[in-house]
């Protein structure tokens, strides 16, 4: 496998996965390179949504496909925003506008709670082909807290609000290289990499 399609149009995810796959000499192409529209994500779990996105992309381009369904889970909010993380504040506007609105809603919802614990979840699904009966699945979690105000301009999504206790900074203040060392996506990818090294 020398090329695969990433079932996402998120430029932040594409950058992160391109860097993670580079040591394996695997080229990661965005689904937009094949004019593949975003898949529907109607499910209530990260796994079901990731599988739906991977099958959609693989079927439309004929390449192996990787899908990542990720989100932020906040126990004080009953696990929200969870699978709704990307559109927590609504679907209108460009990604940067939605990110700002999502962050504003998260802060407003948490204002009356003392418990600010949170964790990112990433579920990866890799399909060798659209009808692969045995998809490769890997999951990672990254635990931290939600800050009371954004810090840093790096990353994307909720990164400026996500405090990384071990680094005493927000995810938005980390370099991309540092984030790729221990994020939820990096932890999930490490499990996937074991399978890559074994030849899947």
C-alpha atoms as a PDB file:
ATOM      1  CA  UNK A   1       0.000   0.000   0.000  1.00  0.00           C
ATOM      2  CA  UNK A   2       1.721   3.156  -1.219  1.00  0.00           C
ATOM      3  CA  UNK A   3      -1.256   5.496  -1.356  1.00  0.00           C
ATOM      4  CA  UNK A   4      -4.436   5.874   0.599  1.00  0.00           C
ATOM      5  CA  UNK A   5      -7.268   8.343   0.676  1.00  0.00           C
ATOM      6  CA  UNK A   6      -8.076  10.240   3.853  1.00  0.00           C
ATOM      7  CA  UNK A   7     -11.846  10.374   4.248  1.00  0.00           C
ATOM      8  CA  UNK A   8     -11.823  13.998   5.339  1.00  0.00           C
ATOM      9  CA  UNK A   9     -11.528  17.500   3.917  1.00  0.00           C
ATOM     10  CA  UNK A  10     -10.106  18.863   7.187  1.00  0.00           C
ATOM     11  CA  UNK A  11      -6.706  20.429   6.345  1.00  0.00           C
ATOM     12  CA  UNK A  12      -5.521  20.057   9.944  1.00  0.00           C
ATOM     13  CA  UNK A  13      -6.161  16.313   9.910  1.00  0.00           C
ATOM     14  CA  UNK A  14      -4.490  15.968   6.509  1.00  0.00           C
ATOM     15  CA  UNK A  15      -1.317  17.669   7.798  1.00  0.00           C
ATOM     16  CA  UNK A  16      -1.205  15.472  10.878  1.00  0.00           C
ATOM     17  CA  UNK A  17      -1.789  12.194   9.025  1.00  0.00           C
ATOM     18  CA  UNK A  18       0.629  13.057   6.218  1.00  0.00           C
ATOM     19  CA  UNK A  19       3.330  13.558   8.867  1.00  0.00           C
ATOM     20  CA  UNK A  20       2.409  10.372  10.736  1.00  0.00           C
ATOM     21  CA  UNK A  21       2.424   8.196   7.602  1.00  0.00           C
ATOM     22  CA  UNK A  22       5.596   9.725   6.082  1.00  0.00           C
ATOM     23  CA  UNK A  23       8.005   7.259   7.786  1.00  0.00           C
ATOM     24  CA  UNK A  24       6.084   4.380   6.179  1.00  0.00           C
ATOM     25  CA  UNK A  25       6.447   5.854   2.680  1.00  0.00           C
ATOM     26  CA  UNK A  26       2.667   6.019   2.317  1.00  0.00           C
ATOM     27  CA  UNK A  27       1.203   9.023   0.519  1.00  0.00           C
ATOM     28  CA  UNK A  28      -1.986  10.339   2.107  1.00  0.00           C
ATOM     29  CA  UNK A  29      -4.369  12.006  -0.335  1.00  0.00           C
ATOM     30  CA  UNK A  30      -7.399  14.032   0.716  1.00  0.00           C
ATOM     31  CA  UNK A  31     -10.743  12.855  -0.591  1.00  0.00           C
ATOM     32  CA  UNK A  32     -11.109  16.261  -2.252  1.00  0.00           C
ATOM     33  CA  UNK A  33      -8.390  15.150  -4.716  1.00  0.00           C
ATOM     34  CA  UNK A  34     -11.011  12.738  -6.082  1.00  0.00           C
ATOM     35  CA  UNK A  35     -13.955  15.159  -5.759  1.00  0.00           C
ATOM     36  CA  UNK A  36     -15.450  12.939  -3.072  1.00  0.00           C
ATOM     37  CA  UNK A  37     -18.091  14.758  -1.020  1.00  0.00           C
ATOM     38  CA  UNK A  38     -18.236  14.486   2.750  1.00  0.00           C
ATOM     39  CA  UNK A  39     -20.015  11.337   3.913  1.00  0.00           C
ATOM     40  CA  UNK A  40     -23.063  11.450   6.130  1.00  0.00           C
ATOM     41  CA  UNK A  41     -22.267  10.894   9.811  1.00  0.00           C
ATOM     42  CA  UNK A  42     -25.636   9.943  11.288  1.00  0.00           C
ATOM     43  CA  UNK A  43     -24.381   7.540  13.925  1.00  0.00           C
ATOM     44  CA  UNK A  44     -24.083   7.881  17.685  1.00  0.00           C
ATOM     45  CA  UNK A  45     -20.589   6.411  18.008  1.00  0.00           C
ATOM     46  CA  UNK A  46     -17.170   7.404  16.705  1.00  0.00           C
ATOM     47  CA  UNK A  47     -16.604   3.887  15.361  1.00  0.00           C
ATOM     48  CA  UNK A  48     -19.770   3.746  13.281  1.00  0.00           C
ATOM     49  CA  UNK A  49     -19.116   7.182  11.792  1.00  0.00           C
ATOM     50  CA  UNK A  50     -15.477   6.385  10.981  1.00  0.00           C
ATOM     51  CA  UNK A  51     -16.467   3.139   9.269  1.00  0.00           C
ATOM     52  CA  UNK A  52     -19.161   4.896   7.220  1.00  0.00           C
ATOM     53  CA  UNK A  53     -16.685   7.564   6.080  1.00  0.00           C
ATOM     54  CA  UNK A  54     -13.977   5.045   5.168  1.00  0.00           C
ATOM     55  CA  UNK A  55     -16.351   2.868   3.115  1.00  0.00           C
ATOM     56  CA  UNK A  56     -17.734   5.951   1.342  1.00  0.00           C
ATOM     57  CA  UNK A  57     -14.268   7.178   0.303  1.00  0.00           C
ATOM     58  CA  UNK A  58     -12.897   3.754  -0.660  1.00  0.00           C
ATOM     59  CA  UNK A  59     -15.947   2.988  -2.779  1.00  0.00           C
ATOM     60  CA  UNK A  60     -15.704   6.253  -4.711  1.00  0.00           C
ATOM     61  CA  UNK A  61     -11.965   6.258  -5.448  1.00  0.00           C
ATOM     62  CA  UNK A  62     -10.903   2.601  -5.402  1.00  0.00           C
ATOM     63  CA  UNK A  63      -7.985   3.150  -3.015  1.00  0.00           C
ATOM     64  CA  UNK A  64      -7.465   1.976   0.555  1.00  0.00           C
ATOM     65  CA  UNK A  65      -9.138   4.497   2.833  1.00  0.00           C
ATOM     66  CA  UNK A  66      -8.451   5.859   6.272  1.00  0.00           C
ATOM     67  CA  UNK A  67     -11.159   7.562   8.278  1.00  0.00           C
ATOM     68  CA  UNK A  68     -10.796   9.281  11.580  1.00  0.00           C
ATOM     69  CA  UNK A  69     -13.761  10.141  13.721  1.00  0.00           C
ATOM     70  CA  UNK A  70     -12.661  12.266  16.612  1.00  0.00           C
ATOM     71  CA  UNK A  71     -14.197  14.495  19.180  1.00  0.00           C
ATOM     72  CA  UNK A  72     -14.031  16.060  22.579  1.00  0.00           C
ATOM     73  CA  UNK A  73     -15.911  14.400  25.442  1.00  0.00           C
ATOM     74  CA  UNK A  74     -16.685  16.371  28.597  1.00  0.00           C
ATOM     75  CA  UNK A  75     -18.060  14.299  31.514  1.00  0.00           C
ATOM     76  CA  UNK A  76     -19.801  17.301  33.120  1.00  0.00           C
ATOM     77  CA  UNK A  77     -21.796  17.701  29.890  1.00  0.00           C
ATOM     78  CA  UNK A  78     -22.782  14.041  29.688  1.00  0.00           C
ATOM     79  CA  UNK A  79     -20.034  13.324  27.147  1.00  0.00           C
ATOM     80  CA  UNK A  80     -20.929  16.188  24.842  1.00  0.00           C
ATOM     81  CA  UNK A  81     -19.949  17.474  22.367  1.00  0.00           C
ATOM     82  CA  UNK A  82     -18.759  13.940  21.496  1.00  0.00           C
ATOM     83  CA  UNK A  83     -19.632  12.875  17.951  1.00  0.00           C
ATOM     84  CA  UNK A  84     -21.145  16.342  17.438  1.00  0.00           C
ATOM     85  CA  UNK A  85     -17.841  18.117  18.145  1.00  0.00           C
ATOM     86  CA  UNK A  86     -17.357  19.556  14.657  1.00  0.00           C
ATOM     87  CA  UNK A  87     -20.799  21.164  14.583  1.00  0.00           C
ATOM     88  CA  UNK A  88     -21.493  21.766  18.279  1.00  0.00           C
ATOM     89  CA  UNK A  89     -22.203  25.444  17.627  1.00  0.00           C
ATOM     90  CA  UNK A  90     -23.978  24.944  14.285  1.00  0.00           C
ATOM     91  CA  UNK A  91     -23.166  24.054  10.688  1.00  0.00           C
ATOM     92  CA  UNK A  92     -23.023  27.493   9.081  1.00  0.00           C
ATOM     93  CA  UNK A  93     -19.796  29.179   8.017  1.00  0.00           C
ATOM     94  CA  UNK A  94     -16.227  28.191   7.220  1.00  0.00           C
ATOM     95  CA  UNK A  95     -14.240  25.872   9.485  1.00  0.00           C
ATOM     96  CA  UNK A  96     -12.539  28.703  11.425  1.00  0.00           C
ATOM     97  CA  UNK A  97     -15.914  30.337  12.068  1.00  0.00           C
ATOM     98  CA  UNK A  98     -17.423  27.057  13.247  1.00  0.00           C
ATOM     99  CA  UNK A  99     -14.413  26.376  15.485  1.00  0.00           C
ATOM    100  CA  UNK A 100     -14.832  29.761  17.179  1.00  0.00           C
ATOM    101  CA  UNK A 101     -18.548  29.175  17.653  1.00  0.00           C
ATOM    102  CA  UNK A 102     -17.966  25.644  18.996  1.00  0.00           C
ATOM    103  CA  UNK A 103     -15.447  26.956  21.511  1.00  0.00           C
ATOM    104  CA  UNK A 104     -17.795  29.739  22.610  1.00  0.00           C
ATOM    105  CA  UNK A 105     -20.635  27.277  23.187  1.00  0.00           C
ATOM    106  CA  UNK A 106     -18.372  24.904  25.111  1.00  0.00           C
ATOM    107  CA  UNK A 107     -17.275  27.706  27.449  1.00  0.00           C
ATOM    108  CA  UNK A 108     -20.873  28.828  27.951  1.00  0.00           C
ATOM    109  CA  UNK A 109     -22.069  25.288  28.719  1.00  0.00           C
ATOM    110  CA  UNK A 110     -19.244  24.719  31.201  1.00  0.00           C
ATOM    111  CA  UNK A 111     -19.649  28.074  32.972  1.00  0.00           C
ATOM    112  CA  UNK A 112     -21.935  26.570  35.612  1.00  0.00           C
ATOM    113  CA  UNK A 113     -19.820  23.453  36.224  1.00  0.00           C
ATOM    114  CA  UNK A 114     -16.825  23.036  38.494  1.00  0.00           C
ATOM    115  CA  UNK A 115     -15.671  19.832  36.815  1.00  0.00           C
ATOM    116  CA  UNK A 116     -13.675  20.821  33.726  1.00  0.00           C
ATOM    117  CA  UNK A 117     -12.177  17.413  32.942  1.00  0.00           C
ATOM    118  CA  UNK A 118     -12.252  16.450  29.261  1.00  0.00           C
ATOM    119  CA  UNK A 119     -10.699  14.025  26.872  1.00  0.00           C
ATOM    120  CA  UNK A 120     -10.239  13.809  23.162  1.00  0.00           C
ATOM    121  CA  UNK A 121     -11.169  10.528  21.458  1.00  0.00           C
ATOM    122  CA  UNK A 122      -9.893   9.325  18.100  1.00  0.00           C
ATOM    123  CA  UNK A 123     -11.127   6.197  16.346  1.00  0.00           C
ATOM    124  CA  UNK A 124      -9.241   5.245  13.179  1.00  0.00           C
ATOM    125  CA  UNK A 125     -10.602   2.831  10.605  1.00  0.00           C
ATOM    126  CA  UNK A 126      -8.407   1.629   7.758  1.00  0.00           C
ATOM    127  CA  UNK A 127      -9.992  -0.294   4.895  1.00  0.00           C
ATOM    128  CA  UNK A 128      -7.926  -2.121   2.300  1.00  0.00           C
ATOM    129  CA  UNK A 129     -10.899  -1.832  -0.075  1.00  0.00           C
ATOM    130  CA  UNK A 130     -14.523  -0.714   0.159  1.00  0.00           C
ATOM    131  CA  UNK A 131     -15.874  -4.149   1.049  1.00  0.00           C
ATOM    132  CA  UNK A 132     -13.069  -5.085   3.450  1.00  0.00           C
ATOM    133  CA  UNK A 133     -14.714  -7.495   5.929  1.00  0.00           C
ATOM    134  CA  UNK A 134     -11.977  -6.982   8.525  1.00  0.00           C
ATOM    135  CA  UNK A 135     -11.220  -3.275   8.895  1.00  0.00           C
ATOM    136  CA  UNK A 136      -8.230  -2.254  10.984  1.00  0.00           C
ATOM    137  CA  UNK A 137      -9.498  -0.281  13.985  1.00  0.00           C
ATOM    138  CA  UNK A 138      -7.425   1.711  16.464  1.00  0.00           C
ATOM    139  CA  UNK A 139      -8.496   4.057  19.252  1.00  0.00           C
ATOM    140  CA  UNK A 140      -6.721   6.687  21.336  1.00  0.00           C
ATOM    141  CA  UNK A 141      -7.723   8.982  24.203  1.00  0.00           C
ATOM    142  CA  UNK A 142      -5.988  12.168  25.383  1.00  0.00           C
ATOM    143  CA  UNK A 143      -6.998  13.435  28.811  1.00  0.00           C
ATOM    144  CA  UNK A 144      -6.887  17.011  30.030  1.00  0.00           C
ATOM    145  CA  UNK A 145      -9.087  19.897  31.144  1.00  0.00           C
ATOM    146  CA  UNK A 146     -10.972  22.777  29.560  1.00  0.00           C
ATOM    147  CA  UNK A 147      -9.502  26.216  30.170  1.00  0.00           C
ATOM    148  CA  UNK A 148     -11.685  29.241  30.940  1.00  0.00           C
ATOM    149  CA  UNK A 149     -10.278  31.145  27.929  1.00  0.00           C
ATOM    150  CA  UNK A 150      -8.415  30.189  24.730  1.00  0.00           C
ATOM    151  CA  UNK A 151      -4.620  30.008  24.747  1.00  0.00           C
ATOM    152  CA  UNK A 152      -2.491  29.675  21.623  1.00  0.00           C
ATOM    153  CA  UNK A 153      -3.304  29.768  17.938  1.00  0.00           C
ATOM    154  CA  UNK A 154      -1.980  26.385  16.837  1.00  0.00           C
ATOM    155  CA  UNK A 155      -3.883  23.224  16.023  1.00  0.00           C
ATOM    156  CA  UNK A 156      -7.575  23.404  15.224  1.00  0.00           C
ATOM    157  CA  UNK A 157     -10.964  22.785  16.773  1.00  0.00           C
ATOM    158  CA  UNK A 158     -10.918  22.898  20.572  1.00  0.00           C
ATOM    159  CA  UNK A 159      -7.108  22.905  20.843  1.00  0.00           C
ATOM    160  CA  UNK A 160      -6.850  26.464  22.289  1.00  0.00           C
ATOM    161  CA  UNK A 161      -9.167  25.419  25.158  1.00  0.00           C
ATOM    162  CA  UNK A 162      -7.693  21.986  25.883  1.00  0.00           C
ATOM    163  CA  UNK A 163      -5.193  22.109  28.749  1.00  0.00           C
ATOM    164  CA  UNK A 164      -2.502  19.435  28.557  1.00  0.00           C
ATOM    165  CA  UNK A 165      -1.547  18.912  32.221  1.00  0.00           C
ATOM    166  CA  UNK A 166       1.769  17.197  31.487  1.00  0.00           C
ATOM    167  CA  UNK A 167       2.912  20.187  29.406  1.00  0.00           C
ATOM    168  CA  UNK A 168       1.096  22.905  31.407  1.00  0.00           C
ATOM    169  CA  UNK A 169      -0.107  24.526  28.213  1.00  0.00           C
ATOM    170  CA  UNK A 170      -3.011  24.282  25.824  1.00  0.00           C
ATOM    171  CA  UNK A 171      -2.948  21.995  22.840  1.00  0.00           C
ATOM    172  CA  UNK A 172      -3.099  25.190  20.783  1.00  0.00           C
ATOM    173  CA  UNK A 173       0.258  26.245  22.257  1.00  0.00           C
ATOM    174  CA  UNK A 174       2.022  23.025  21.295  1.00  0.00           C
ATOM    175  CA  UNK A 175       4.082  22.738  18.133  1.00  0.00           C
ATOM    176  CA  UNK A 176       2.652  20.369  15.549  1.00  0.00           C
ATOM    177  CA  UNK A 177       5.585  18.032  16.163  1.00  0.00           C
ATOM    178  CA  UNK A 178       4.951  17.974  19.922  1.00  0.00           C
ATOM    179  CA  UNK A 179       1.227  17.420  19.471  1.00  0.00           C
ATOM    180  CA  UNK A 180       1.903  14.541  17.081  1.00  0.00           C
ATOM    181  CA  UNK A 181       3.928  12.924  19.853  1.00  0.00           C
ATOM    182  CA  UNK A 182       1.098  12.295  22.309  1.00  0.00           C
ATOM    183  CA  UNK A 183      -2.294  13.460  21.026  1.00  0.00           C
ATOM    184  CA  UNK A 184      -5.327  11.188  20.803  1.00  0.00           C
ATOM    185  CA  UNK A 185      -4.647  10.865  17.084  1.00  0.00           C
ATOM    186  CA  UNK A 186      -0.993   9.985  17.719  1.00  0.00           C
ATOM    187  CA  UNK A 187      -1.970   7.361  20.298  1.00  0.00           C
ATOM    188  CA  UNK A 188      -4.466   5.777  17.902  1.00  0.00           C
ATOM    189  CA  UNK A 189      -1.938   5.927  15.087  1.00  0.00           C
ATOM    190  CA  UNK A 190       0.692   4.178  17.230  1.00  0.00           C
ATOM    191  CA  UNK A 191      -1.661   1.201  17.489  1.00  0.00           C
ATOM    192  CA  UNK A 192      -2.338   1.337  13.760  1.00  0.00           C
ATOM    193  CA  UNK A 193       1.414   1.521  13.085  1.00  0.00           C
ATOM    194  CA  UNK A 194       1.905  -1.823  14.807  1.00  0.00           C
ATOM    195  CA  UNK A 195      -0.347  -3.332  12.176  1.00  0.00           C
ATOM    196  CA  UNK A 196       1.463  -1.460   9.386  1.00  0.00           C
ATOM    197  CA  UNK A 197       4.782  -2.877  10.543  1.00  0.00           C
ATOM    198  CA  UNK A 198       3.245  -6.340  10.574  1.00  0.00           C
ATOM    199  CA  UNK A 199       2.055  -5.847   7.004  1.00  0.00           C
ATOM    200  CA  UNK A 200      -1.598  -5.456   8.082  1.00  0.00           C
END
